[in-house]
Amino acid sequence: MKKVIEIHAADEEIAVRAKSLKILSDFRVLGFVTRKSFLTVVMEYYPELNSHDGGNRLVNFWAGREFRLNQQLEEVLEILKNS
């Protein structure tokens, strides 16, 4: 069951963080419910993240500690939704 949560961001930083959570939720809705499956599919579409540093950034995104990957991950979501 989907739950709707509305956030009125106090500033741009909070808005970016909230967007990251929405992106992560969208991946989970598509069936990527484990960190490994998430990393595997993202690294397939963004080979530059298939490195130690890139993997750490993705792990941190999964854990809610990385917020600078939103654009790339939104692109992966669009590809997955349209395939």
C-alpha atoms as a PDB file:
ATOM      1  CA  MET A   1       0.000   0.000   0.000  1.00  0.00           C
ATOM      2  CA  LYS A   2       1.391   3.381  -1.017  1.00  0.00           C
ATOM      3  CA  LYS A   3       1.437   6.122   1.563  1.00  0.00           C
ATOM      4  CA  VAL A   4       1.411   9.746   0.531  1.00  0.00           C
ATOM      5  CA  ILE A   5       3.605  12.147   2.444  1.00  0.00           C
ATOM      6  CA  GLU A   6       3.613  15.829   1.613  1.00  0.00           C
ATOM      7  CA  ILE A   7       6.649  17.909   2.518  1.00  0.00           C
ATOM      8  CA  HIS A   8       6.849  21.679   2.373  1.00  0.00           C
ATOM      9  CA  ALA A   9      10.600  22.153   2.209  1.00  0.00           C
ATOM     10  CA  ALA A  10      12.031  24.941   4.323  1.00  0.00           C
ATOM     11  CA  ASP A  11      14.820  25.506   1.793  1.00  0.00           C
ATOM     12  CA  GLU A  12      16.475  24.077  -1.306  1.00  0.00           C
ATOM     13  CA  GLU A  13      18.637  21.610   0.643  1.00  0.00           C
ATOM     14  CA  ILE A  14      15.594  19.999   2.235  1.00  0.00           C
ATOM     15  CA  ALA A  15      13.841  19.919  -1.157  1.00  0.00           C
ATOM     16  CA  VAL A  16      16.783  18.025  -2.680  1.00  0.00           C
ATOM     17  CA  ARG A  17      16.803  15.556   0.217  1.00  0.00           C
ATOM     18  CA  ALA A  18      13.064  14.983  -0.105  1.00  0.00           C
ATOM     19  CA  LYS A  19      13.476  14.406  -3.851  1.00  0.00           C
ATOM     20  CA  SER A  20      16.166  11.794  -3.087  1.00  0.00           C
ATOM     21  CA  LEU A  21      13.737   9.881  -0.885  1.00  0.00           C
ATOM     22  CA  LYS A  22      11.100  10.021  -3.628  1.00  0.00           C
ATOM     23  CA  ILE A  23      13.601   8.646  -6.143  1.00  0.00           C
ATOM     24  CA  LEU A  24      14.592   5.834  -3.790  1.00  0.00           C
ATOM     25  CA  SER A  25      10.927   5.012  -3.234  1.00  0.00           C
ATOM     26  CA  ASP A  26      10.355   4.909  -6.999  1.00  0.00           C
ATOM     27  CA  PHE A  27      13.184   2.382  -7.393  1.00  0.00           C
ATOM     28  CA  ARG A  28      11.627   0.222  -4.690  1.00  0.00           C
ATOM     29  CA  VAL A  29       8.227   0.396  -6.383  1.00  0.00           C
ATOM     30  CA  LEU A  30       9.891  -0.936  -9.543  1.00  0.00           C
ATOM     31  CA  GLY A  31      11.162  -3.925  -7.550  1.00  0.00           C
ATOM     32  CA  PHE A  32      14.674  -2.820  -6.604  1.00  0.00           C
ATOM     33  CA  VAL A  33      14.203  -3.540  -2.904  1.00  0.00           C
ATOM     34  CA  THR A  34      17.764  -4.564  -2.088  1.00  0.00           C
ATOM     35  CA  ARG A  35      20.824  -2.371  -2.145  1.00  0.00           C
ATOM     36  CA  LYS A  36      22.583  -4.844  -4.434  1.00  0.00           C
ATOM     37  CA  SER A  37      19.836  -4.797  -7.076  1.00  0.00           C
ATOM     38  CA  PHE A  38      19.759  -0.992  -6.951  1.00  0.00           C
ATOM     39  CA  LEU A  39      23.541  -0.701  -7.358  1.00  0.00           C
ATOM     40  CA  THR A  40      23.613  -3.263 -10.157  1.00  0.00           C
ATOM     41  CA  VAL A  41      21.002  -1.547 -12.309  1.00  0.00           C
ATOM     42  CA  VAL A  42      22.362   1.978 -11.759  1.00  0.00           C
ATOM     43  CA  MET A  43      25.937   0.899 -12.535  1.00  0.00           C
ATOM     44  CA  GLU A  44      24.673  -0.727 -15.729  1.00  0.00           C
ATOM     45  CA  TYR A  45      23.304   2.592 -16.982  1.00  0.00           C
ATOM     46  CA  TYR A  46      26.034   4.775 -15.452  1.00  0.00           C
ATOM     47  CA  PRO A  47      29.350   2.911 -15.813  1.00  0.00           C
ATOM     48  CA  GLU A  48      31.206   5.895 -14.325  1.00  0.00           C
ATOM     49  CA  LEU A  49      29.566   4.968 -11.002  1.00  0.00           C
ATOM     50  CA  ASN A  50      30.953   1.432 -11.311  1.00  0.00           C
ATOM     51  CA  SER A  51      34.016   2.233  -9.227  1.00  0.00           C
ATOM     52  CA  HIS A  52      34.898   2.193  -5.549  1.00  0.00           C
ATOM     53  CA  ASP A  53      33.991   5.870  -5.174  1.00  0.00           C
ATOM     54  CA  GLY A  54      30.866   5.567  -7.309  1.00  0.00           C
ATOM     55  CA  GLY A  55      29.738   2.483  -5.421  1.00  0.00           C
ATOM     56  CA  ASN A  56      30.205   4.313  -2.126  1.00  0.00           C
ATOM     57  CA  ARG A  57      28.108   7.212  -3.395  1.00  0.00           C
ATOM     58  CA  LEU A  58      25.318   4.830  -4.400  1.00  0.00           C
ATOM     59  CA  VAL A  59      25.481   2.996  -1.068  1.00  0.00           C
ATOM     60  CA  ASN A  60      25.256   6.363   0.675  1.00  0.00           C
ATOM     61  CA  PHE A  61      22.284   7.344  -1.501  1.00  0.00           C
ATOM     62  CA  TRP A  62      20.546   4.090  -0.551  1.00  0.00           C
ATOM     63  CA  ALA A  63      21.202   4.907   3.113  1.00  0.00           C
ATOM     64  CA  GLY A  64      19.916   8.477   2.780  1.00  0.00           C
ATOM     65  CA  ARG A  65      23.295  10.190   3.059  1.00  0.00           C
ATOM     66  CA  GLU A  66      24.003  11.216  -0.565  1.00  0.00           C
ATOM     67  CA  PHE A  67      21.863  13.745  -2.376  1.00  0.00           C
ATOM     68  CA  ARG A  68      23.863  14.765  -5.442  1.00  0.00           C
ATOM     69  CA  LEU A  69      22.850  11.843  -7.682  1.00  0.00           C
ATOM     70  CA  ASN A  70      19.227  12.828  -8.209  1.00  0.00           C
ATOM     71  CA  GLN A  71      19.540  13.787 -11.874  1.00  0.00           C
ATOM     72  CA  GLN A  72      21.351  10.606 -12.932  1.00  0.00           C
ATOM     73  CA  LEU A  73      19.005   8.400 -10.945  1.00  0.00           C
ATOM     74  CA  GLU A  74      15.923  10.116 -12.375  1.00  0.00           C
ATOM     75  CA  GLU A  75      17.278   9.345 -15.840  1.00  0.00           C
ATOM     76  CA  VAL A  76      17.718   5.668 -14.930  1.00  0.00           C
ATOM     77  CA  LEU A  77      14.157   5.595 -13.569  1.00  0.00           C
ATOM     78  CA  GLU A  78      12.801   7.026 -16.824  1.00  0.00           C
ATOM     79  CA  ILE A  79      14.664   4.395 -18.838  1.00  0.00           C
ATOM     80  CA  LEU A  80      13.367   1.611 -16.602  1.00  0.00           C
ATOM     81  CA  LYS A  81       9.787   2.903 -16.653  1.00  0.00           C
ATOM     82  CA  ASN A  82       9.815   3.114 -20.466  1.00  0.00           C
ATOM     83  CA  SER A  83      11.305  -0.326 -21.095  1.00  0.00           C
END
